[in-house]
Amino acid sequence: MRLKFLFLTLILTITAAACSPQAAPLPTAEATLPPTTATVSPTATSTPTEIPPSPTPTAIPPTATPAPAAVGPDDFPPGIDPLTGLPAANPALLERRPMAVKISNDPRAMRPQWGLNEADIVYEYYAELGRTRFIGVFYG
């Protein structure tokens, strides 16, 4: 049994290696360069002239932009709703606890759900038999 497993593993490894795409050859470093001399239009006194070298690009120093202050679950600025990131109309409402409300999405006679657009966050989740429900989180 162990020999069959080893043989099957070996065959699968060889097949996978044979089917893998081949790496494309890398281009060589030798490339043809354009000529460094140019000729002026044919006239009686035309002589070849050298093309002036292109100016070297100057390095632009990066501008130092200060990183924004970290805002997290414990250090939101005063008056900012932590669920939306927007200023609250009434900062006193931010002292309350958020409320999550389950809202039915079935039957169709229950639609449209009133007040769902007033929620700070809305989650839709699968309930059963192809039906979904909403959870509206109301805070500020």
C-alpha atoms as a PDB file:
ATOM      1  CA  MET A   1       0.000   0.000   0.000  1.00  0.00           C
ATOM      2  CA  ARG A   2       2.819   2.369   0.936  1.00  0.00           C
ATOM      3  CA  LEU A   3       4.603   1.594  -2.333  1.00  0.00           C
ATOM      4  CA  LYS A   4       1.482   2.472  -4.335  1.00  0.00           C
ATOM      5  CA  PHE A   5       1.159   5.788  -2.498  1.00  0.00           C
ATOM      6  CA  LEU A   6       4.824   6.600  -3.139  1.00  0.00           C
ATOM      7  CA  PHE A   7       4.515   5.692  -6.825  1.00  0.00           C
ATOM      8  CA  LEU A   8       1.346   7.785  -7.217  1.00  0.00           C
ATOM      9  CA  THR A   9       3.002  10.771  -5.527  1.00  0.00           C
ATOM     10  CA  LEU A  10       6.028  10.450  -7.809  1.00  0.00           C
ATOM     11  CA  ILE A  11       3.858  10.320 -10.941  1.00  0.00           C
ATOM     12  CA  LEU A  12       1.819  13.354  -9.846  1.00  0.00           C
ATOM     13  CA  THR A  13       4.983  15.338  -9.071  1.00  0.00           C
ATOM     14  CA  ILE A  14       6.511  14.568 -12.472  1.00  0.00           C
ATOM     15  CA  THR A  15       3.243  15.430 -14.242  1.00  0.00           C
ATOM     16  CA  ALA A  16       2.923  18.719 -12.387  1.00  0.00           C
ATOM     17  CA  ALA A  17       6.525  19.655 -13.191  1.00  0.00           C
ATOM     18  CA  ALA A  18       6.048  18.806 -16.869  1.00  0.00           C
ATOM     19  CA  CYS A  19       2.872  20.869 -17.113  1.00  0.00           C
ATOM     20  CA  SER A  20       4.277  23.968 -15.435  1.00  0.00           C
ATOM     21  CA  PRO A  21       4.964  26.916 -17.764  1.00  0.00           C
ATOM     22  CA  GLN A  22       8.549  27.377 -18.846  1.00  0.00           C
ATOM     23  CA  ALA A  23      10.330  30.548 -17.818  1.00  0.00           C
ATOM     24  CA  ALA A  24      10.929  32.969 -20.676  1.00  0.00           C
ATOM     25  CA  PRO A  25      14.586  33.636 -21.436  1.00  0.00           C
ATOM     26  CA  LEU A  26      15.869  36.889 -20.035  1.00  0.00           C
ATOM     27  CA  PRO A  27      16.949  39.558 -22.538  1.00  0.00           C
ATOM     28  CA  THR A  28      20.679  39.955 -22.898  1.00  0.00           C
ATOM     29  CA  ALA A  29      22.458  43.060 -21.743  1.00  0.00           C
ATOM     30  CA  GLU A  30      23.831  43.687 -25.217  1.00  0.00           C
ATOM     31  CA  ALA A  31      21.589  46.053 -27.079  1.00  0.00           C
ATOM     32  CA  THR A  32      22.125  48.166 -30.120  1.00  0.00           C
ATOM     33  CA  LEU A  33      22.618  51.791 -29.234  1.00  0.00           C
ATOM     34  CA  PRO A  34      21.606  54.640 -31.533  1.00  0.00           C
ATOM     35  CA  PRO A  35      24.454  56.356 -33.302  1.00  0.00           C
ATOM     36  CA  THR A  36      26.026  59.245 -31.416  1.00  0.00           C
ATOM     37  CA  THR A  37      26.583  61.393 -34.481  1.00  0.00           C
ATOM     38  CA  ALA A  38      24.026  63.039 -36.676  1.00  0.00           C
ATOM     39  CA  THR A  39      24.385  64.609 -40.066  1.00  0.00           C
ATOM     40  CA  VAL A  40      23.035  67.928 -41.118  1.00  0.00           C
ATOM     41  CA  SER A  41      20.920  68.141 -44.228  1.00  0.00           C
ATOM     42  CA  PRO A  42      22.965  67.586 -47.379  1.00  0.00           C
ATOM     43  CA  THR A  43      24.540  70.846 -48.441  1.00  0.00           C
ATOM     44  CA  ALA A  44      27.866  71.796 -49.844  1.00  0.00           C
ATOM     45  CA  THR A  45      29.359  72.427 -46.403  1.00  0.00           C
ATOM     46  CA  SER A  46      27.756  69.638 -44.364  1.00  0.00           C
ATOM     47  CA  THR A  47      29.879  68.021 -41.724  1.00  0.00           C
ATOM     48  CA  PRO A  48      28.856  65.492 -39.113  1.00  0.00           C
ATOM     49  CA  THR A  49      28.212  67.010 -35.692  1.00  0.00           C
ATOM     50  CA  GLU A  50      27.865  65.378 -32.329  1.00  0.00           C
ATOM     51  CA  ILE A  51      24.538  65.293 -30.557  1.00  0.00           C
ATOM     52  CA  PRO A  52      24.859  67.041 -27.197  1.00  0.00           C
ATOM     53  CA  PRO A  53      24.318  64.739 -24.240  1.00  0.00           C
ATOM     54  CA  SER A  54      20.914  64.891 -22.644  1.00  0.00           C
ATOM     55  CA  PRO A  55      20.763  66.765 -19.349  1.00  0.00           C
ATOM     56  CA  THR A  56      20.904  64.590 -16.298  1.00  0.00           C
ATOM     57  CA  PRO A  57      17.725  64.546 -14.247  1.00  0.00           C
ATOM     58  CA  THR A  58      17.983  66.257 -10.918  1.00  0.00           C
ATOM     59  CA  ALA A  59      16.765  64.424  -7.883  1.00  0.00           C
ATOM     60  CA  ILE A  60      13.765  66.081  -6.285  1.00  0.00           C
ATOM     61  CA  PRO A  61      13.948  65.792  -2.518  1.00  0.00           C
ATOM     62  CA  PRO A  62      10.855  64.182  -1.058  1.00  0.00           C
ATOM     63  CA  THR A  63       8.629  66.538   0.837  1.00  0.00           C
ATOM     64  CA  ALA A  64       8.101  65.580   4.427  1.00  0.00           C
ATOM     65  CA  THR A  65       4.386  65.285   5.073  1.00  0.00           C
ATOM     66  CA  PRO A  66       3.407  64.588   8.634  1.00  0.00           C
ATOM     67  CA  ALA A  67       1.549  61.351   9.149  1.00  0.00           C
ATOM     68  CA  PRO A  68      -2.063  61.795  10.273  1.00  0.00           C
ATOM     69  CA  ALA A  69      -2.667  61.242  13.936  1.00  0.00           C
ATOM     70  CA  ALA A  70      -3.867  57.756  14.732  1.00  0.00           C
ATOM     71  CA  VAL A  71      -7.555  57.573  15.520  1.00  0.00           C
ATOM     72  CA  GLY A  72      -8.801  54.385  17.035  1.00  0.00           C
ATOM     73  CA  PRO A  73     -11.435  52.839  19.216  1.00  0.00           C
ATOM     74  CA  ASP A  74     -10.369  54.720  22.332  1.00  0.00           C
ATOM     75  CA  ASP A  75      -9.155  58.072  21.042  1.00  0.00           C
ATOM     76  CA  PHE A  76     -11.700  59.643  18.693  1.00  0.00           C
ATOM     77  CA  PRO A  77     -11.787  63.439  18.654  1.00  0.00           C
ATOM     78  CA  PRO A  78     -14.642  64.885  20.710  1.00  0.00           C
ATOM     79  CA  GLY A  79     -17.933  65.148  18.843  1.00  0.00           C
ATOM     80  CA  ILE A  80     -17.008  62.566  16.158  1.00  0.00           C
ATOM     81  CA  ASP A  81     -19.265  59.536  15.691  1.00  0.00           C
ATOM     82  CA  PRO A  82     -16.943  56.479  15.831  1.00  0.00           C
ATOM     83  CA  LEU A  83     -19.201  54.437  13.547  1.00  0.00           C
ATOM     84  CA  THR A  84     -19.329  56.942  10.687  1.00  0.00           C
ATOM     85  CA  GLY A  85     -16.342  59.194  11.313  1.00  0.00           C
ATOM     86  CA  LEU A  86     -18.556  62.249  10.819  1.00  0.00           C
ATOM     87  CA  PRO A  87     -19.276  65.017  13.304  1.00  0.00           C
ATOM     88  CA  ALA A  88     -22.346  64.249  15.400  1.00  0.00           C
ATOM     89  CA  ALA A  89     -25.247  66.697  15.221  1.00  0.00           C
ATOM     90  CA  ASN A  90     -25.677  66.382  18.988  1.00  0.00           C
ATOM     91  CA  PRO A  91     -22.477  65.300  20.789  1.00  0.00           C
ATOM     92  CA  ALA A  92     -24.498  64.384  23.880  1.00  0.00           C
ATOM     93  CA  LEU A  93     -25.930  61.408  21.936  1.00  0.00           C
ATOM     94  CA  LEU A  94     -22.444  59.903  21.789  1.00  0.00           C
ATOM     95  CA  GLU A  95     -22.633  59.198  25.513  1.00  0.00           C
ATOM     96  CA  ARG A  96     -25.343  56.584  24.890  1.00  0.00           C
ATOM     97  CA  ARG A  97     -24.785  52.958  23.955  1.00  0.00           C
ATOM     98  CA  PRO A  98     -25.243  51.906  20.317  1.00  0.00           C
ATOM     99  CA  MET A  99     -28.395  49.943  19.591  1.00  0.00           C
ATOM    100  CA  ALA A 100     -28.558  47.059  17.086  1.00  0.00           C
ATOM    101  CA  VAL A 101     -32.011  46.321  15.658  1.00  0.00           C
ATOM    102  CA  LYS A 102     -32.939  43.277  13.558  1.00  0.00           C
ATOM    103  CA  ILE A 103     -35.224  44.248  10.690  1.00  0.00           C
ATOM    104  CA  SER A 104     -37.117  41.711   8.603  1.00  0.00           C
ATOM    105  CA  ASN A 105     -36.734  41.718   4.841  1.00  0.00           C
ATOM    106  CA  ASP A 106     -39.575  39.260   4.146  1.00  0.00           C
ATOM    107  CA  PRO A 107     -42.466  39.155   3.189  1.00  0.00           C
ATOM    108  CA  ARG A 108     -42.512  41.717   0.419  1.00  0.00           C
ATOM    109  CA  ALA A 109     -45.440  43.500   2.063  1.00  0.00           C
ATOM    110  CA  MET A 110     -43.015  44.615   4.812  1.00  0.00           C
ATOM    111  CA  ARG A 111     -40.930  46.592   2.310  1.00  0.00           C
ATOM    112  CA  PRO A 112     -39.655  49.302   2.277  1.00  0.00           C
ATOM    113  CA  GLN A 113     -38.238  49.269   5.767  1.00  0.00           C
ATOM    114  CA  TRP A 114     -38.851  52.575   7.463  1.00  0.00           C
ATOM    115  CA  GLY A 115     -35.900  54.255   9.220  1.00  0.00           C
ATOM    116  CA  LEU A 116     -33.206  51.934   7.874  1.00  0.00           C
ATOM    117  CA  ASN A 117     -31.508  54.859   6.167  1.00  0.00           C
ATOM    118  CA  GLU A 118     -31.080  56.527   9.572  1.00  0.00           C
ATOM    119  CA  ALA A 119     -28.831  53.715  10.850  1.00  0.00           C
ATOM    120  CA  ASP A 120     -25.104  54.359  11.125  1.00  0.00           C
ATOM    121  CA  ILE A 121     -24.233  50.864   9.886  1.00  0.00           C
ATOM    122  CA  VAL A 122     -26.494  48.308   8.149  1.00  0.00           C
ATOM    123  CA  TYR A 123     -25.641  44.612   7.812  1.00  0.00           C
ATOM    124  CA  GLU A 124     -27.629  42.229   5.627  1.00  0.00           C
ATOM    125  CA  TYR A 125     -27.316  38.576   6.456  1.00  0.00           C
ATOM    126  CA  TYR A 126     -28.778  35.285   5.283  1.00  0.00           C
ATOM    127  CA  ALA A 127     -31.528  34.017   7.611  1.00  0.00           C
ATOM    128  CA  GLU A 128     -33.053  30.844   6.114  1.00  0.00           C
ATOM    129  CA  LEU A 129     -34.691  29.519   2.940  1.00  0.00           C
ATOM    130  CA  GLY A 130     -33.206  32.280   0.791  1.00  0.00           C
ATOM    131  CA  ARG A 131     -34.512  35.026   3.060  1.00  0.00           C
ATOM    132  CA  THR A 132     -32.366  37.815   4.422  1.00  0.00           C
ATOM    133  CA  ARG A 133     -32.557  40.173   7.350  1.00  0.00           C
ATOM    134  CA  PHE A 134     -30.967  43.463   8.221  1.00  0.00           C
ATOM    135  CA  ILE A 135     -29.219  44.563  11.371  1.00  0.00           C
ATOM    136  CA  GLY A 136     -29.245  48.326  11.747  1.00  0.00           C
ATOM    137  CA  VAL A 137     -26.798  49.817  14.246  1.00  0.00           C
ATOM    138  CA  PHE A 138     -28.027  53.168  15.539  1.00  0.00           C
ATOM    139  CA  TYR A 139     -25.690  55.353  17.559  1.00  0.00           C
ATOM    140  CA  GLY A 140     -25.484  59.115  17.041  1.00  0.00           C
END
